[in-house]
Amino acid sequence: MSAQSSREFDVVIVGAGVIGATLASLLVARKLCEPGRVAIVAERFATPVPASADWDTRVFALSRASERLLRLCSVWSSLPAQRVFAYERMCVWDSQGQPQGKGSVTFDCAEIGEPNLGFIVDSRVLQWQCLQSARSAGVVLLEAALEAAALGETHAAIRLSDGRTLRGRLLVAADGPESKTRTLLGVETAGHAYHQDALVAHVRTAKSHDNTAWQRFLSGGPLAFLPLPDGRSSIVWTNALTEAARLRGLDLAAFSAALTAASGGVLGDCEALTAPAGYPLKLQYALDYARPRAVLLGDAAHVVHPLAGQGMNLGLLDCAALVDVLEGAGGASYFGEYTVLRRYERRRRSENLFAAGALDGLERLFSTAGPIGAGLRSAGLGVVGKLPFAKRHLAQRALGLIGDVPEFLKADRAWQRK
């Protein structure tokens, strides 16, 4: 690539979503890069969310590890209080069982000595605040499309649609499941489509959600009610494509009735307040996370089933693990060394494949029709519900308190003061 109109950085990140912006901020916050030495490239950047705007229909369930990471990046304290909701319990049950009864398991933060089980956060607000944090940290934002990428011995170089060329010691692909960066790097993916859509909408329920996330497993896929601060819930209802299309075609009254029936009336009558939007689901994972001078993270590296709400948390742990590895690299000149990036790949690829496999297995188990499948599901949930150690382990792992969690998220107390 021509060096004309070229700019040089320590790290060039393609993708301005939550993952790309968080990584950029974290690199500066951990003093791995000086302000102005990290760039984010994207075709478009998030715009401010008016205070009067309603919650986005898509929300994220964030873990304790994600909360701590966002505190380190000065994001958490900037999130409007009305766009964050801490939930205290989670109840999961099979369609053949009863909530908080046979064939169910309930997790309670009090049982593991935590103030909550996580947070429901507005997706648009989170993306905007992550980007604002990156700006405040001195990250350079460049709005243009990626056209070409080349990896050299000492630098990676990319060409943008406006003709500019950027060089970085490390190139990061954080541009989502259809990552162009990944394609240009020649990294292949594997996986399969679930032939399902996740329907999302806001609903009002006759009964209080009681600061609880409710999830019922049905033969067509799970139905989750995620609590919002004003008493409403955000639903994520997974269905086969044909059934999802039928449900989207209903008017709000008919959709509300179908939702009430599918929930088993756990929260009483449901009233849909927004028309359901559908998102196709798939399992996808990159066969490689690293190349000399380049690395993948977030949805560019892995896409999992949303039944446990772990997709964003896995991506944020990618950011933390990459920074953890780079801290031991010996300086910015070593950021793109393949031996360094392979350490990140070994850590996160195994963790993410384990999570993807576990979620894929759960999806298959809970979508198995017939009395045998129903019996296995109900028995499994019932057993877990009666084993305090198993419940505690699952809750702690979901919170990001155990597993591949960098020490600075476990022991560093800086996040407590922000």
Protein backbone atom coordinates (compact mmCIF):
# COMPACT_ATOMS: atom_id res chain seq x y z
CA MET A 1 0.00 0.00 0.00
CA SER A 2 1.15 3.54 -0.67
CA ALA A 3 2.49 5.45 2.32
CA GLN A 4 0.99 8.67 0.95
CA SER A 5 -1.46 10.30 3.41
CA SER A 6 -0.54 7.57 5.91
CA ARG A 7 -1.00 7.85 9.68
CA GLU A 8 0.65 5.59 12.22
CA PHE A 9 -0.81 4.21 15.46
CA ASP A 10 -0.01 1.59 18.02
CA VAL A 11 -3.41 -0.05 17.58
CA VAL A 12 -5.98 0.33 14.80
CA ILE A 13 -9.44 -1.03 15.64
CA VAL A 14 -12.03 -1.64 12.93
CA GLY A 15 -15.50 -1.42 14.45
CA ALA A 16 -17.06 1.26 16.67
CA GLY A 17 -19.53 -0.84 18.61
CA VAL A 18 -19.35 -1.55 22.33
CA ILE A 19 -16.46 -3.99 21.93
CA GLY A 20 -14.24 -1.85 19.72
CA ALA A 21 -14.82 1.32 21.74
CA THR A 22 -14.26 -0.46 25.06
CA LEU A 23 -10.98 -1.98 23.89
CA ALA A 24 -9.78 1.45 22.75
CA SER A 25 -10.61 3.04 26.10
CA LEU A 26 -9.09 0.16 28.05
CA LEU A 27 -5.78 0.41 26.18
CA VAL A 28 -5.47 4.00 27.32
CA ALA A 29 -6.87 3.41 30.82
CA ARG A 30 -4.32 0.64 31.46
CA LYS A 31 -1.57 2.97 30.10
CA LEU A 32 -0.62 0.63 27.29
CA CYS A 33 -1.13 3.39 24.72
CA GLU A 34 -0.87 7.14 24.91
CA PRO A 35 -3.85 9.29 23.84
CA GLY A 36 -3.75 9.69 20.08
CA ARG A 37 -2.02 6.35 19.53
CA VAL A 38 -5.23 4.31 19.17
CA ALA A 39 -7.62 4.69 16.22
CA ILE A 40 -11.13 3.40 15.62
CA VAL A 41 -12.32 3.04 12.03
CA ALA A 42 -16.01 2.63 11.19
CA GLU A 43 -18.39 3.44 8.36
CA ARG A 44 -20.61 5.24 10.88
CA PHE A 45 -20.54 6.10 14.53
CA ALA A 46 -23.26 6.02 17.17
CA THR A 47 -25.29 9.17 17.73
CA PRO A 48 -26.56 10.60 21.04
CA VAL A 49 -29.72 9.12 22.52
CA PRO A 50 -32.22 11.82 23.61
CA ALA A 51 -33.11 11.67 27.29
CA SER A 52 -36.78 11.51 26.27
CA ALA A 53 -36.28 8.46 24.04
CA ASP A 54 -37.70 5.14 25.15
CA TRP A 55 -35.49 2.17 25.90
CA ASP A 56 -34.23 0.42 22.80
CA THR A 57 -36.04 -2.85 22.15
CA ARG A 58 -32.65 -4.60 22.26
CA VAL A 59 -31.06 -4.70 25.69
CA PHE A 60 -27.94 -6.29 27.11
CA ALA A 61 -27.65 -8.38 30.27
CA LEU A 62 -24.23 -7.44 31.66
CA SER A 63 -22.25 -9.46 34.19
CA ARG A 64 -20.24 -8.29 37.19
CA ALA A 65 -17.01 -8.66 35.20
CA SER A 66 -18.49 -6.49 32.43
CA GLU A 67 -19.56 -3.89 34.97
CA ARG A 68 -16.04 -3.73 36.43
CA LEU A 69 -14.47 -3.47 33.00
CA LEU A 70 -16.77 -0.60 32.03
CA ARG A 71 -15.94 1.13 35.32
CA LEU A 72 -12.24 0.96 34.46
CA CYS A 73 -13.07 2.62 31.13
CA SER A 74 -15.08 5.41 32.84
CA VAL A 75 -18.21 4.23 31.02
CA TRP A 76 -20.28 2.90 33.89
CA SER A 77 -20.48 6.16 35.84
CA SER A 78 -21.65 7.97 32.69
CA LEU A 79 -24.62 5.67 32.05
CA PRO A 80 -27.90 7.39 33.00
CA ALA A 81 -29.36 5.68 36.06
CA GLN A 82 -32.72 5.24 34.31
CA ARG A 83 -31.01 3.18 31.55
CA VAL A 84 -29.51 0.59 33.91
CA PHE A 85 -31.44 -1.91 36.02
CA ALA A 86 -29.95 -4.35 38.51
CA TYR A 87 -31.87 -7.60 38.74
CA GLU A 88 -31.67 -9.80 41.81
CA ARG A 89 -33.08 -13.14 40.77
CA MET A 90 -33.45 -15.39 37.76
CA CYS A 91 -36.07 -18.12 37.43
CA VAL A 92 -35.71 -20.75 34.68
CA TRP A 93 -38.28 -23.46 34.08
CA ASP A 94 -39.34 -25.95 31.46
CA SER A 95 -42.70 -25.78 29.72
CA GLN A 96 -43.67 -29.01 31.47
CA GLY A 97 -42.74 -27.66 34.92
CA GLN A 98 -43.75 -24.77 37.11
CA PRO A 99 -41.85 -21.57 37.88
CA GLN A 100 -40.18 -21.86 41.29
CA GLY A 101 -41.53 -25.42 41.48
CA LYS A 102 -40.91 -28.79 39.91
CA GLY A 103 -38.74 -28.65 36.81
CA SER A 104 -37.32 -25.21 37.62
CA VAL A 105 -34.26 -23.54 39.09
CA THR A 106 -34.10 -20.11 40.73
CA PHE A 107 -30.91 -18.13 41.25
CA ASP A 108 -30.90 -15.44 43.95
CA CYS A 109 -28.09 -12.94 44.51
CA ALA A 110 -28.49 -13.31 48.28
CA GLU A 111 -27.49 -16.97 48.02
CA ILE A 112 -24.05 -16.08 46.63
CA GLY A 113 -23.44 -12.94 48.68
CA GLU A 114 -23.75 -10.54 45.73
CA PRO A 115 -25.84 -7.35 45.54
CA ASN A 116 -27.41 -8.48 42.24
CA LEU A 117 -27.08 -11.03 39.44
CA GLY A 118 -26.20 -8.44 36.81
CA PHE A 119 -27.65 -5.47 34.97
CA ILE A 120 -30.06 -4.88 32.11
CA VAL A 121 -28.69 -1.99 30.03
CA ASP A 122 -30.10 -0.06 27.07
CA SER A 123 -28.02 -1.07 24.04
CA ARG A 124 -28.05 2.28 22.24
CA VAL A 125 -27.11 4.23 25.35
CA LEU A 126 -24.30 1.81 26.16
CA GLN A 127 -22.87 2.06 22.66
CA TRP A 128 -22.96 5.87 22.75
CA GLN A 129 -21.33 6.11 26.17
CA CYS A 130 -18.59 3.65 25.20
CA LEU A 131 -17.83 5.81 22.19
CA GLN A 132 -17.85 8.97 24.31
CA SER A 133 -15.39 7.37 26.72
CA ALA A 134 -13.08 6.55 23.83
CA ARG A 135 -13.27 10.16 22.61
CA SER A 136 -12.47 11.45 26.09
CA ALA A 137 -9.48 9.10 26.27
CA GLY A 138 -8.01 10.68 23.15
CA VAL A 139 -8.85 7.84 20.77
CA VAL A 140 -8.84 8.96 17.14
CA LEU A 141 -12.16 8.29 15.37
CA LEU A 142 -12.07 7.92 11.60
CA GLU A 143 -15.34 7.57 9.68
CA ALA A 144 -14.72 5.61 6.50
CA ALA A 145 -15.19 2.13 5.07
CA LEU A 146 -12.41 -0.42 5.11
CA GLU A 147 -11.27 -1.38 1.62
CA ALA A 148 -8.02 -3.32 1.97
CA ALA A 149 -5.70 -4.74 4.60
CA ALA A 150 -2.13 -6.02 4.48
CA LEU A 151 0.03 -7.53 7.21
CA GLY A 152 3.76 -6.80 7.30
CA GLU A 153 6.63 -7.75 9.57
CA THR A 154 6.45 -4.65 11.76
CA HIS A 155 3.04 -3.12 10.95
CA ALA A 156 -0.43 -3.84 9.62
CA ALA A 157 -1.73 -1.43 7.01
CA ILE A 158 -5.29 -0.71 5.91
CA ARG A 159 -6.69 1.46 3.12
CA LEU A 160 -9.91 3.37 3.67
CA SER A 161 -12.62 4.37 1.21
CA ASP A 162 -11.52 8.02 1.36
CA GLY A 163 -8.02 7.09 0.17
CA ARG A 164 -6.25 7.34 3.50
CA THR A 165 -3.86 4.64 4.66
CA LEU A 166 -3.40 3.73 8.31
CA ARG A 167 -0.53 1.75 9.82
CA GLY A 168 -0.61 0.11 13.21
CA ARG A 169 1.54 -2.26 15.19
CA LEU A 170 -1.67 -4.19 15.79
CA LEU A 171 -4.86 -4.42 13.73
CA VAL A 172 -8.02 -5.44 15.63
CA ALA A 173 -11.14 -6.80 13.94
CA ALA A 174 -14.13 -5.80 16.05
CA ASP A 175 -16.56 -5.19 13.20
CA GLY A 176 -19.23 -7.74 14.01
CA PRO A 177 -20.41 -11.12 12.72
CA GLU A 178 -20.09 -10.13 9.05
CA SER A 179 -16.60 -8.74 9.65
CA LYS A 180 -14.98 -7.42 6.49
CA THR A 181 -11.66 -7.27 8.32
CA ARG A 182 -11.87 -11.00 9.05
CA THR A 183 -12.57 -11.68 5.37
CA LEU A 184 -9.63 -9.54 4.23
CA LEU A 185 -7.38 -11.37 6.68
CA GLY A 186 -8.45 -14.70 5.17
CA VAL A 187 -9.84 -16.10 8.41
CA GLU A 188 -12.56 -18.69 7.83
CA THR A 189 -15.53 -19.45 10.06
CA ALA A 190 -17.59 -22.51 10.96
CA GLY A 191 -20.98 -23.00 12.57
CA HIS A 192 -24.59 -23.28 11.50
CA ALA A 193 -27.82 -21.33 11.32
CA TYR A 194 -30.40 -22.09 13.98
CA HIS A 195 -33.28 -21.39 11.56
CA GLN A 196 -34.77 -19.31 14.33
CA ASP A 197 -35.56 -15.66 14.90
CA ALA A 198 -35.36 -13.92 18.25
CA LEU A 199 -38.36 -11.63 18.64
CA VAL A 200 -37.79 -8.59 20.87
CA ALA A 201 -40.37 -6.15 22.22
CA HIS A 202 -41.35 -4.20 25.33
CA VAL A 203 -44.28 -5.47 27.35
CA ARG A 204 -46.31 -4.49 30.38
CA THR A 205 -47.45 -7.32 32.63
CA ALA A 206 -50.29 -7.55 35.12
CA LYS A 207 -47.95 -8.85 37.81
CA SER A 208 -44.69 -7.27 38.97
CA HIS A 209 -41.51 -8.72 37.50
CA ASP A 210 -40.15 -8.60 41.07
CA ASN A 211 -36.61 -7.62 39.96
CA THR A 212 -36.40 -11.07 38.40
CA ALA A 213 -35.40 -12.30 34.96
CA TRP A 214 -37.86 -15.01 33.93
CA GLN A 215 -37.09 -17.61 31.28
CA ARG A 216 -39.34 -20.42 30.12
CA PHE A 217 -38.06 -23.10 27.75
CA LEU A 218 -40.54 -24.03 25.04
CA SER A 219 -40.20 -26.54 22.22
CA GLY A 220 -39.72 -23.71 19.71
CA GLY A 221 -37.12 -21.91 21.82
CA PRO A 222 -36.77 -19.97 25.07
CA LEU A 223 -38.94 -17.04 26.10
CA ALA A 224 -37.23 -14.53 28.42
CA PHE A 225 -38.63 -11.55 30.32
CA LEU A 226 -35.86 -9.10 31.23
CA PRO A 227 -36.94 -6.57 33.89
CA LEU A 228 -36.82 -2.82 33.21
CA PRO A 229 -36.78 -0.09 35.87
CA ASP A 230 -40.28 1.25 35.18
CA GLY A 231 -41.99 -2.10 35.74
CA ARG A 232 -42.04 -3.14 32.10
CA SER A 233 -40.07 -6.07 30.70
CA SER A 234 -38.07 -6.52 27.53
CA ILE A 235 -38.83 -9.90 25.97
CA VAL A 236 -36.60 -12.13 23.88
CA TRP A 237 -38.74 -14.88 22.35
CA THR A 238 -37.01 -17.44 20.14
CA ASN A 239 -39.10 -19.23 17.53
CA ALA A 240 -38.68 -21.20 14.33
CA LEU A 241 -38.64 -18.92 11.30
CA THR A 242 -42.16 -19.73 10.13
CA GLU A 243 -43.67 -19.27 13.59
CA ALA A 244 -41.70 -16.06 14.15
CA ALA A 245 -43.03 -14.70 10.86
CA ARG A 246 -46.58 -15.60 11.89
CA LEU A 247 -46.19 -13.88 15.25
CA ARG A 248 -44.78 -10.73 13.64
CA GLY A 249 -47.84 -10.62 11.41
CA LEU A 250 -50.25 -10.43 14.35
CA ASP A 251 -51.68 -7.19 15.66
CA LEU A 252 -50.54 -6.13 19.13
CA ALA A 253 -53.60 -7.57 20.88
CA ALA A 254 -53.21 -10.99 19.26
CA PHE A 255 -49.45 -10.98 19.85
CA SER A 256 -50.05 -10.09 23.52
CA ALA A 257 -52.44 -13.03 23.89
CA ALA A 258 -49.93 -15.40 22.29
CA LEU A 259 -47.21 -14.09 24.60
CA THR A 260 -49.37 -14.56 27.69
CA ALA A 261 -50.07 -18.15 26.69
CA ALA A 262 -46.41 -18.88 25.93
CA SER A 263 -45.34 -17.49 29.31
CA GLY A 264 -47.74 -19.76 31.14
CA GLY A 265 -49.17 -16.64 32.77
CA VAL A 266 -46.18 -16.33 35.09
CA LEU A 267 -46.55 -12.53 35.12
CA GLY A 268 -50.26 -12.44 34.39
CA ASP A 269 -51.67 -10.93 31.22
CA CYS A 270 -49.05 -9.45 28.90
CA GLU A 271 -49.57 -6.26 26.90
CA ALA A 272 -47.13 -5.72 24.05
CA LEU A 273 -46.20 -2.05 23.84
CA THR A 274 -44.03 -2.27 20.72
CA ALA A 275 -44.34 -4.37 17.57
CA PRO A 276 -41.95 -7.34 17.76
CA ALA A 277 -38.74 -7.06 15.76
CA GLY A 278 -36.98 -10.22 14.61
CA TYR A 279 -33.27 -11.08 14.52
CA PRO A 280 -31.95 -14.27 12.88
CA LEU A 281 -29.85 -16.54 15.09
CA LYS A 282 -26.75 -18.54 14.27
CA LEU A 283 -23.71 -20.20 15.78
CA GLN A 284 -20.51 -18.93 14.21
CA TYR A 285 -16.89 -19.09 15.28
CA ALA A 286 -13.66 -18.05 13.62
CA LEU A 287 -11.19 -20.87 13.03
CA ASP A 288 -8.37 -18.54 14.03
CA TYR A 289 -8.36 -15.53 16.35
CA ALA A 290 -4.86 -14.32 15.51
CA ARG A 291 -2.61 -13.55 12.60
CA PRO A 292 0.81 -11.88 12.81
CA ARG A 293 -0.10 -8.21 13.49
CA ALA A 294 -3.86 -8.86 13.65
CA VAL A 295 -6.43 -10.25 16.06
CA LEU A 296 -10.20 -10.86 16.22
CA LEU A 297 -12.56 -10.29 19.13
CA GLY A 298 -16.26 -9.97 19.90
CA ASP A 299 -18.77 -11.01 17.26
CA ALA A 300 -16.04 -10.98 14.61
CA ALA A 301 -14.60 -14.00 16.45
CA HIS A 302 -17.71 -15.72 17.83
CA VAL A 303 -21.51 -15.55 17.71
CA VAL A 304 -23.49 -17.64 20.21
CA HIS A 305 -27.13 -18.41 20.91
CA PRO A 306 -28.67 -15.65 23.07
CA LEU A 307 -30.51 -17.98 25.46
CA ALA A 308 -28.16 -17.11 28.35
CA GLY A 309 -27.50 -13.51 27.32
CA GLN A 310 -23.72 -14.05 27.29
CA GLY A 311 -22.73 -12.73 23.85
CA MET A 312 -21.76 -9.21 24.94
CA ASN A 313 -20.11 -10.46 28.13
CA LEU A 314 -17.92 -12.86 26.14
CA GLY A 315 -16.86 -10.02 23.86
CA LEU A 316 -15.98 -7.74 26.77
CA LEU A 317 -13.91 -10.53 28.31
CA ASP A 318 -12.10 -10.75 24.95
CA CYS A 319 -11.13 -7.10 25.43
CA ALA A 320 -9.94 -7.71 28.98
CA ALA A 321 -7.95 -10.82 28.02
CA LEU A 322 -6.28 -9.10 25.06
CA VAL A 323 -5.23 -6.15 27.21
CA ASP A 324 -4.05 -8.57 29.92
CA VAL A 325 -1.83 -10.33 27.36
CA LEU A 326 -0.53 -7.06 25.88
CA GLU A 327 0.44 -5.86 29.35
CA GLY A 328 2.98 -8.66 29.46
CA ALA A 329 4.23 -8.14 25.91
CA GLY A 330 7.02 -5.71 26.81
CA GLY A 331 5.76 -2.57 25.09
CA ALA A 332 3.83 -1.41 22.04
CA SER A 333 6.51 -2.57 19.61
CA TYR A 334 5.62 -6.16 20.56
CA PHE A 335 1.82 -5.80 20.33
CA GLY A 336 1.56 -7.50 16.96
CA GLU A 337 4.01 -10.33 17.61
CA TYR A 338 2.34 -13.60 16.72
CA THR A 339 3.65 -15.35 19.83
CA VAL A 340 1.95 -12.66 21.95
CA LEU A 341 -1.34 -12.80 20.08
CA ARG A 342 -1.37 -16.59 20.21
CA ARG A 343 -1.54 -16.35 24.01
CA TYR A 344 -4.74 -14.36 23.65
CA GLU A 345 -6.06 -16.82 21.07
CA ARG A 346 -5.42 -19.84 23.28
CA ARG A 347 -7.15 -18.21 26.25
CA ARG A 348 -10.24 -16.87 24.57
CA ARG A 349 -10.81 -19.40 21.82
CA SER A 350 -11.08 -22.25 24.33
CA GLU A 351 -13.36 -20.23 26.64
CA ASN A 352 -15.60 -19.06 23.82
CA LEU A 353 -15.83 -22.49 22.20
CA PHE A 354 -16.79 -23.96 25.57
CA ALA A 355 -19.53 -21.35 25.99
CA ALA A 356 -20.74 -21.76 22.40
CA GLY A 357 -20.85 -25.54 22.75
CA ALA A 358 -22.67 -25.39 26.07
CA LEU A 359 -25.27 -22.96 24.75
CA ASP A 360 -25.68 -24.96 21.55
CA GLY A 361 -26.20 -28.12 23.60
CA LEU A 362 -28.78 -26.42 25.80
CA GLU A 363 -30.62 -25.14 22.74
CA ARG A 364 -30.76 -28.66 21.30
CA LEU A 365 -31.84 -30.23 24.58
CA PHE A 366 -34.57 -27.72 25.30
CA SER A 367 -35.93 -27.83 21.76
CA THR A 368 -36.23 -31.63 21.78
CA ALA A 369 -39.89 -32.54 21.49
CA GLY A 370 -41.62 -35.49 23.07
CA PRO A 371 -42.00 -36.86 26.61
CA ILE A 372 -38.38 -38.10 26.86
CA GLY A 373 -36.95 -34.68 26.08
CA ALA A 374 -39.41 -33.00 28.43
CA GLY A 375 -38.54 -35.44 31.19
CA LEU A 376 -34.81 -34.86 30.80
CA ARG A 377 -35.22 -31.08 30.82
CA SER A 378 -37.46 -31.05 33.85
CA ALA A 379 -35.27 -33.49 35.77
CA GLY A 380 -32.10 -31.59 34.93
CA LEU A 381 -33.45 -28.26 36.10
CA GLY A 382 -34.86 -29.87 39.22
CA VAL A 383 -31.51 -31.45 40.11
CA VAL A 384 -29.61 -28.19 39.68
CA GLY A 385 -32.21 -26.42 41.78
CA LYS A 386 -31.52 -28.81 44.65
CA LEU A 387 -27.70 -28.52 44.51
CA PRO A 388 -26.51 -25.27 46.16
CA PHE A 389 -22.92 -25.80 45.01
CA ALA A 390 -23.97 -26.25 41.38
CA LYS A 391 -26.24 -23.20 41.52
CA ARG A 392 -23.49 -21.10 43.08
CA HIS A 393 -20.95 -22.21 40.48
CA LEU A 394 -23.29 -21.43 37.58
CA ALA A 395 -24.20 -18.03 39.03
CA GLN A 396 -20.58 -17.09 39.67
CA ARG A 397 -19.55 -18.12 36.18
CA ALA A 398 -22.38 -16.12 34.63
CA LEU A 399 -21.27 -13.10 36.70
CA GLY A 400 -17.72 -13.50 35.40
CA LEU A 401 -16.34 -14.09 38.89
CA ILE A 402 -14.65 -17.38 37.95
CA GLY A 403 -13.12 -18.71 34.75
CA ASP A 404 -10.85 -16.78 32.40
CA VAL A 405 -11.05 -13.43 34.16
CA PRO A 406 -7.92 -11.21 34.21
CA GLU A 407 -6.54 -10.35 37.61
CA PHE A 408 -7.18 -6.64 37.14
CA LEU A 409 -10.91 -7.42 37.13
CA LYS A 410 -10.59 -9.62 40.20
CA ALA A 411 -8.12 -7.79 42.43
CA ASP A 412 -7.64 -4.26 41.11
CA ARG A 413 -9.86 -1.99 43.21
CA ALA A 414 -9.78 0.95 40.81
CA TRP A 415 -13.16 -0.08 39.43
CA GLN A 416 -14.70 0.36 42.90
CA ARG A 417 -13.75 4.03 43.02
CA LYS A 418 -15.18 5.04 39.63
